[in-house]
Amino acid sequence: MNTVYSIINGKFILKDESAILISDLAIQRGYGIFDYFRTIKNEPVFLEEHLNRFYFSAAEMFMDPGYTQSELKDLIKLLIEKNDIPDSGIRITLTGGYAADGYTLSRPNLLITQSAFSFNHNNFNKGIKLSTFQHQRQLPHVKTIDYLMAIHLQKLIKEKGADDVLYYHFNEITECPRANIFFINSKDEVITPSKNILKGITRKKILNFPGLKCLEDIVPFSEINNFKEAFICSTTKNVLPVLEIDGTVVGNGKPGAITRSIYEQLLSVKEK
């Protein structure tokens, strides 16, 4: 088995020995941000977009990563070369830093970790079932480490026979905890919620696919059963058809033609 390294504040450390102190605000108060991207054959996928979002999140949380975007890119390149895990996921985490009072921001800790990851293409045909829950994440436009509600709901999701939760706020559908959602209506328009969400990198790519009638708009919760197709998308999930929501079948209960076309187009962009 190959030795795997992580990076903490610019230093390479064996992954199994990587650690930060318990006084960090990420531990004390859950204060921190992260971003996550894949490598395929040792090549980062959509790295520039992920780093842009990482630095945006850092600025919104008043944290300085301590490296320019170019310097961080060089660190990531070194980690990829050192670990040589061709198909992987790389997570960049920026914490609130060590706080003597457990409350005040200090110099952030920058953590970069890498693990093997391969997408399971069989998941597309299986699709997923969603259960809805009324909740609005704090600072939804920032990719924070706060997944409190998502983890809290896991037991309820399993009890309902679902695979994941879909949030809505009052009468507006927003997002899944780790994915954006799209719907296809009777006019073959591809619609995704426009606000109070984290705007994912995969979501952005899909919105710019040629030949699609894509719309960013409010998606009323009351209309949730009126769409003929639905799918979620993310870095780790690519595109997954939603076959059931709250026990109601979406369309004919099978992956739809437009969803399949988007899935194949995304793969051609990611894995060319």
Foldseek 3Di string as FASTA:
>chain_A
DFFAWKDKPRDTDGPVPDDDDCQFLCNLPVWKFKFKFKAAQLHTFPVVVRLVQVVVLCVVSVADPVDDSVVVVVSVSVNSVRRVQRIKMKMWMWTQGGDPVSDDRDHIMIMIGIDHADADPVQQFVFWAEEEDEDFDPPQQHRGSDPPVQVVCPVVCVVLVGDFYWYAHDFFTAATSAWWKWFQAPVRAIETEADSHHCAPLNVVLQPDPPHNYDHHTDTNVCVQRTQWMWIDHNRHHIHTHQYYSRHGRRPSGHDPVSVVSSVVSCVSRPD
